[in-house]
Amino acid sequence: MEMIVKVGPYGKRQGNLWNDKGQSMLTNIFISYDTIRIKSIQTAYMLGGKLQLSDKHGGDGVMFKTVEIDYPSEFLIGITGYTSADGLTDDSVDVINSLTFETNRRKFGPFGPEVPASLLNKRLQNLLYMDPKNGMEMMVKFGPRGWGGLGTHWDDKGQSMLTQIFISYDSKRVYSIQTAYMLDGKLQLSNKHGGDGDMFKTVEIDYPSEFLTGISGYKDSLFSDYMVKSLTFETNRRKFGPFGQEEGTHFCIELGSKRFFGGFHGTSDSNYLLSIGVYVKPINPSEEETKIQSTVPIKARR
């Protein structure tokens, strides 16, 4: 008999039941949310010395956050949050408004608004693990943000080692995006997604020491004209942008402080970029430690 205590769930008991029992050695929690509720949760975890990825539970909000847990010395000890009726539908569906995660070192969150309604507060400990599904793809897909239902879908999954981002825009909107990236030691160029605006900018990323850690922007519409109004890119060193006009509905994707970026995806037509999203690539802590150790210079003996 497995010695695991099951508590909850808290919130509205509707929708499809999911169960990540045994996926306990967490390295990352990927959470999507907005100003009203939690949209989805997904985790990366260690099993048998290998990094695994859970299923994604829910959809995409306007904000995305990668919670980085310093496994194995750091581990989850608690989770708190708020639930309430959202007031946005006729049947007042209960939603999870906010979540906060607590480890043995620190707290992450809150993600979403802390609405003074129902409070969930549980401490977690003594978790065991079980075998995951075979053939699980090690990428988290978020988005796209903007107008994902319009235009033609494009996918740059795996094009992660960026050296440049080429962006075309004007004072009102973003027209196109294209990237240069390293693959197997060679410089590659992605397809161009969109058309040409009045302004063009080459974002220079100092690969390999500099890498993408976040992207934010605005979307808006005017009559039948749907636009990505603005984009800003953030690396582990600096910010680039905004490119375009910061007006409309804001979205924000925080990838974390490590090399989690796994490529862009989105939609476009021949004239404009219509939406953009990212792939997030979890990192095996043991492999990262090996890479760090391999870069430490060894002093020659005299």
Protein backbone atom coordinates (compact mmCIF):
# COMPACT_ATOMS: atom_id res chain seq x y z
CA MET A 1 0.00 0.00 0.00
CA GLU A 2 1.36 3.41 -0.96
CA MET A 3 1.55 5.77 1.99
CA ILE A 4 0.03 8.87 0.42
CA VAL A 5 -2.68 11.02 1.99
CA LYS A 6 -5.14 12.62 -0.44
CA VAL A 7 -6.56 16.04 0.51
CA GLY A 8 -9.12 18.02 -1.52
CA PRO A 9 -9.64 19.13 -4.19
CA TYR A 10 -10.73 22.67 -3.33
CA GLY A 11 -12.76 24.80 -5.72
CA LYS A 12 -15.68 23.70 -7.90
CA ARG A 13 -15.88 19.93 -8.45
CA GLN A 14 -16.75 20.04 -12.11
CA GLY A 15 -14.87 19.45 -15.34
CA ASN A 16 -12.46 16.59 -15.96
CA LEU A 17 -10.72 14.93 -13.02
CA TRP A 18 -6.91 14.86 -13.22
CA ASN A 19 -4.43 13.17 -10.94
CA ASP A 20 -0.65 13.74 -10.72
CA LYS A 21 -0.16 11.36 -7.81
CA GLY A 22 3.52 10.60 -7.24
CA GLN A 23 4.84 13.54 -9.24
CA SER A 24 6.40 14.97 -6.11
CA MET A 25 10.06 15.84 -6.76
CA LEU A 26 9.23 19.22 -8.31
CA THR A 27 11.71 21.36 -10.21
CA ASN A 28 9.23 23.83 -11.75
CA ILE A 29 5.60 24.87 -11.52
CA PHE A 30 4.21 26.54 -14.66
CA ILE A 31 1.16 28.65 -13.89
CA SER A 32 -1.09 30.71 -16.17
CA TYR A 33 -3.49 33.29 -14.75
CA ASP A 34 -5.13 36.68 -15.22
CA THR A 35 -6.63 39.38 -13.00
CA ILE A 36 -9.64 37.22 -12.16
CA ARG A 37 -8.62 33.57 -11.88
CA ILE A 38 -6.10 30.78 -12.31
CA LYS A 39 -6.17 29.42 -15.87
CA SER A 40 -3.88 26.39 -15.65
CA ILE A 41 -1.12 24.56 -13.81
CA GLN A 42 1.61 22.20 -15.03
CA THR A 43 4.75 20.84 -13.36
CA ALA A 44 8.20 19.48 -14.15
CA TYR A 45 9.55 16.85 -11.76
CA MET A 46 12.33 14.32 -11.31
CA LEU A 47 11.73 10.57 -11.53
CA GLY A 48 14.49 7.97 -11.58
CA GLY A 49 17.08 10.70 -12.23
CA LYS A 50 15.24 11.95 -15.31
CA LEU A 51 13.23 15.12 -15.85
CA GLN A 52 9.53 14.56 -16.57
CA LEU A 53 6.67 16.86 -17.52
CA SER A 54 3.09 16.57 -16.26
CA ASP A 55 0.02 17.14 -18.38
CA LYS A 56 -1.28 20.70 -18.57
CA HIS A 57 -4.45 21.21 -16.54
CA GLY A 58 -6.50 24.09 -17.93
CA GLY A 59 -5.96 26.80 -20.54
CA ASP A 60 -4.03 30.01 -21.15
CA GLY A 61 -4.40 33.35 -19.39
CA VAL A 62 -2.80 36.68 -20.21
CA MET A 63 0.04 36.03 -17.74
CA PHE A 64 2.45 33.12 -17.41
CA LYS A 65 5.00 32.41 -14.68
CA THR A 66 7.70 29.77 -14.24
CA VAL A 67 8.22 28.96 -10.55
CA GLU A 68 11.77 27.67 -10.10
CA ILE A 69 12.29 25.20 -7.23
CA ASP A 70 15.90 24.46 -6.30
CA TYR A 71 15.55 20.67 -6.25
CA PRO A 72 16.67 18.61 -4.31
CA SER A 73 17.39 20.96 -1.38
CA GLU A 74 14.12 22.90 -1.82
CA PHE A 75 10.70 21.28 -1.75
CA LEU A 76 7.01 22.17 -1.49
CA ILE A 77 5.52 22.36 2.01
CA GLY A 78 2.26 24.21 1.44
CA ILE A 79 -0.27 25.75 -0.92
CA THR A 80 -2.86 28.46 -0.23
CA GLY A 81 -5.42 30.17 -2.39
CA TYR A 82 -8.87 31.63 -2.81
CA THR A 83 -11.98 30.39 -4.57
CA SER A 84 -15.20 32.25 -5.39
CA ALA A 85 -18.02 32.52 -7.92
CA ASP A 86 -16.68 34.57 -10.80
CA GLY A 87 -19.90 36.50 -11.43
CA LEU A 88 -19.20 36.43 -15.15
CA THR A 89 -21.64 33.72 -16.18
CA ASP A 90 -25.32 33.09 -15.60
CA ASP A 91 -24.67 30.07 -13.39
CA SER A 92 -21.89 31.85 -11.38
CA VAL A 93 -19.31 29.10 -11.87
CA ASP A 94 -16.86 28.75 -8.99
CA VAL A 95 -13.28 29.51 -9.93
CA ILE A 96 -9.87 29.37 -8.29
CA ASN A 97 -8.99 33.05 -8.05
CA SER A 98 -5.52 32.82 -6.57
CA LEU A 99 -2.74 30.37 -5.63
CA THR A 100 0.40 30.77 -3.53
CA PHE A 101 3.06 28.06 -3.20
CA GLU A 102 5.33 27.73 -0.16
CA THR A 103 8.57 25.77 0.02
CA ASN A 104 10.94 25.11 2.92
CA ARG A 105 12.74 28.34 1.91
CA ARG A 106 10.28 30.86 0.48
CA LYS A 107 6.87 31.71 -0.97
CA PHE A 108 5.89 32.11 -4.63
CA GLY A 109 2.84 34.23 -5.40
CA PRO A 110 0.11 35.08 -5.04
CA PHE A 111 -0.80 34.38 -8.66
CA GLY A 112 -4.20 35.91 -9.35
CA PRO A 113 -6.28 38.14 -7.03
CA GLU A 114 -6.60 37.26 -3.35
CA VAL A 115 -10.39 37.55 -3.18
CA PRO A 116 -11.72 37.48 0.41
CA ALA A 117 -13.98 34.46 -0.09
CA SER A 118 -13.26 30.77 0.45
CA LEU A 119 -9.70 30.05 1.61
CA LEU A 120 -7.83 26.82 0.98
CA ASN A 121 -4.75 26.21 3.10
CA LYS A 122 -3.03 22.84 3.19
CA ARG A 123 0.41 21.59 4.21
CA LEU A 124 1.95 18.84 2.10
CA GLN A 125 4.56 16.28 3.16
CA ASN A 126 5.73 12.67 2.81
CA LEU A 127 4.88 12.35 -0.89
CA LEU A 128 5.91 9.26 -2.88
CA TYR A 129 6.06 8.79 -6.65
CA MET A 130 4.84 6.57 -9.43
CA ASP A 131 5.76 5.89 -13.09
CA PRO A 132 4.81 8.64 -15.61
CA LYS A 133 3.52 8.10 -19.12
CA ASN A 134 5.98 7.03 -21.78
CA GLY A 135 6.96 9.31 -24.65
CA MET A 136 6.11 12.56 -22.87
CA GLU A 137 7.33 15.62 -24.77
CA MET A 138 9.54 17.87 -22.66
CA MET A 139 8.09 21.23 -23.67
CA VAL A 140 5.45 23.46 -22.09
CA LYS A 141 3.42 25.33 -24.71
CA PHE A 142 1.89 28.66 -23.66
CA GLY A 143 -0.33 30.85 -25.78
CA PRO A 144 -0.44 32.31 -28.26
CA ARG A 145 -1.42 35.72 -26.88
CA GLY A 146 -3.05 38.19 -29.24
CA TRP A 147 -5.50 36.93 -31.84
CA GLY A 148 -4.68 33.24 -32.08
CA GLY A 149 -7.86 32.38 -33.95
CA LEU A 150 -6.89 34.55 -36.92
CA GLY A 151 -4.33 34.08 -39.68
CA THR A 152 -2.06 31.10 -40.31
CA HIS A 153 -0.46 29.20 -37.48
CA TRP A 154 3.35 29.04 -37.36
CA ASP A 155 5.61 27.08 -35.05
CA ASP A 156 9.31 27.67 -34.26
CA LYS A 157 9.55 25.01 -31.56
CA GLY A 158 13.16 24.13 -30.72
CA GLN A 159 14.58 27.34 -32.15
CA SER A 160 15.76 28.39 -28.71
CA MET A 161 19.43 29.46 -28.87
CA LEU A 162 18.66 32.98 -30.13
CA THR A 163 21.33 35.32 -31.48
CA GLN A 164 19.02 37.96 -33.00
CA ILE A 165 15.34 38.93 -33.09
CA PHE A 166 14.28 40.92 -36.16
CA ILE A 167 11.12 42.94 -35.59
CA SER A 168 9.18 45.21 -37.94
CA TYR A 169 6.67 47.70 -36.54
CA ASP A 170 5.32 51.25 -36.66
CA SER A 171 3.81 53.67 -34.14
CA LYS A 172 0.60 51.62 -33.89
CA ARG A 173 1.40 47.89 -34.16
CA VAL A 174 3.85 45.04 -34.70
CA TYR A 175 4.09 43.85 -38.31
CA SER A 176 6.42 40.84 -38.16
CA ILE A 177 8.97 38.84 -36.21
CA GLN A 178 11.86 36.66 -37.36
CA THR A 179 14.79 35.14 -35.46
CA ALA A 180 18.35 33.92 -35.98
CA TYR A 181 19.43 31.01 -33.78
CA MET A 182 22.15 28.42 -33.30
CA LEU A 183 21.49 24.76 -34.08
CA ASP A 184 24.21 22.09 -33.99
CA GLY A 185 26.88 24.78 -34.08
CA LYS A 186 25.47 26.51 -37.17
CA LEU A 187 23.57 29.77 -37.54
CA GLN A 188 20.01 29.31 -38.78
CA LEU A 189 17.25 31.74 -39.80
CA SER A 190 13.57 31.23 -39.00
CA ASN A 191 10.75 32.04 -41.39
CA LYS A 192 9.41 35.58 -41.34
CA HIS A 193 6.01 35.82 -39.65
CA GLY A 194 4.07 38.83 -40.98
CA GLY A 195 4.86 41.78 -43.24
CA ASP A 196 6.82 45.05 -43.27
CA GLY A 197 6.16 48.15 -41.18
CA ASP A 198 7.75 51.60 -41.30
CA MET A 199 10.39 50.67 -38.70
CA PHE A 200 12.76 47.74 -38.35
CA LYS A 201 14.94 46.74 -35.40
CA THR A 202 17.60 44.06 -34.91
CA VAL A 203 17.68 42.88 -31.30
CA GLU A 204 21.18 41.56 -30.64
CA ILE A 205 21.43 38.83 -28.02
CA ASP A 206 24.94 38.03 -26.75
CA TYR A 207 24.70 34.26 -27.20
CA PRO A 208 25.62 32.04 -25.37
CA SER A 209 25.89 34.05 -22.12
CA GLU A 210 22.66 36.00 -22.75
CA PHE A 211 19.26 34.35 -23.26
CA LEU A 212 15.55 35.18 -23.33
CA THR A 213 13.75 35.18 -19.97
CA GLY A 214 10.46 36.92 -20.80
CA ILE A 215 8.19 38.58 -23.32
CA SER A 216 5.34 41.03 -22.79
CA GLY A 217 3.08 43.10 -24.98
CA TYR A 218 -0.33 44.53 -25.78
CA LYS A 219 -3.12 43.51 -28.11
CA ASP A 220 -6.10 45.54 -29.31
CA SER A 221 -8.72 45.75 -32.04
CA LEU A 222 -10.38 48.56 -33.95
CA PHE A 223 -13.52 47.55 -35.81
CA SER A 224 -12.31 44.52 -37.84
CA ASP A 225 -8.61 45.33 -37.47
CA TYR A 226 -6.95 42.98 -34.93
CA MET A 227 -3.47 43.93 -33.78
CA VAL A 228 -0.50 42.95 -31.66
CA LYS A 229 0.13 46.54 -30.59
CA SER A 230 3.48 46.16 -28.87
CA LEU A 231 6.19 43.67 -27.87
CA THR A 232 8.99 43.86 -25.30
CA PHE A 233 11.68 41.20 -24.90
CA GLU A 234 13.62 40.57 -21.68
CA THR A 235 16.86 38.63 -21.26
CA ASN A 236 18.90 37.69 -18.19
CA ARG A 237 20.71 41.02 -18.65
CA ARG A 238 18.36 43.66 -20.07
CA LYS A 239 15.11 44.64 -21.80
CA PHE A 240 14.54 45.41 -25.49
CA GLY A 241 11.56 47.56 -26.45
CA PRO A 242 8.76 48.33 -26.38
CA PHE A 243 8.33 47.99 -30.14
CA GLY A 244 4.99 49.50 -31.17
CA GLN A 245 2.40 51.20 -29.00
CA GLU A 246 1.70 50.12 -25.40
CA GLU A 247 -2.07 50.33 -25.56
CA GLY A 248 -4.89 47.81 -25.15
CA THR A 249 -4.90 44.50 -23.28
CA HIS A 250 -1.59 43.63 -21.63
CA PHE A 251 -0.05 40.14 -21.55
CA CYS A 252 3.12 38.95 -19.84
CA ILE A 253 5.13 35.71 -20.10
CA GLU A 254 7.85 35.18 -17.47
CA LEU A 255 10.09 32.24 -18.35
CA GLY A 256 12.35 32.27 -15.29
CA SER A 257 16.01 33.03 -14.68
CA LYS A 258 17.46 30.01 -16.51
CA ARG A 259 17.51 28.82 -20.14
CA PHE A 260 13.86 27.78 -20.20
CA PHE A 261 13.03 29.34 -23.58
CA GLY A 262 12.21 26.68 -26.18
CA GLY A 263 11.02 28.69 -29.19
CA PHE A 264 8.18 30.91 -30.39
CA HIS A 265 4.84 30.04 -32.00
CA GLY A 266 1.84 32.10 -33.08
CA THR A 267 -0.29 33.26 -36.00
CA SER A 268 0.22 35.79 -38.79
CA ASP A 269 -0.92 36.73 -42.27
CA SER A 270 1.00 38.28 -45.15
CA ASN A 271 0.79 41.74 -43.56
CA TYR A 272 0.81 41.43 -39.78
CA LEU A 273 1.83 39.41 -36.76
CA LEU A 274 -1.48 38.44 -35.12
CA SER A 275 -0.38 36.49 -32.04
CA ILE A 276 2.69 35.11 -30.31
CA GLY A 277 3.38 32.42 -27.72
CA VAL A 278 6.35 30.50 -26.35
CA TYR A 279 7.61 27.01 -25.61
CA VAL A 280 9.17 26.51 -22.18
CA LYS A 281 11.85 23.85 -21.83
CA PRO A 282 12.31 22.40 -18.30
CA ILE A 283 15.90 21.79 -17.17
CA ASN A 284 17.19 18.67 -15.43
CA PRO A 285 18.92 20.00 -12.26
CA SER A 286 21.56 17.24 -12.31
CA GLU A 287 22.48 17.99 -15.94
CA GLU A 288 22.68 21.71 -15.19
CA GLU A 289 25.01 21.05 -12.23
CA THR A 290 27.24 18.92 -14.48
CA LYS A 291 27.46 21.75 -17.03
CA ILE A 292 28.34 24.25 -14.30
CA GLN A 293 31.07 22.01 -12.92
CA SER A 294 32.48 21.44 -16.40
CA THR A 295 32.99 25.19 -16.86
CA VAL A 296 35.01 25.63 -13.63
CA PRO A 297 38.68 26.11 -14.58
CA ILE A 298 41.13 23.60 -13.15
CA LYS A 299 44.43 25.08 -11.99
CA ALA A 300 47.49 23.33 -13.30
CA ARG A 301 49.78 21.79 -10.73
CA ARG A 302 53.21 23.34 -10.36
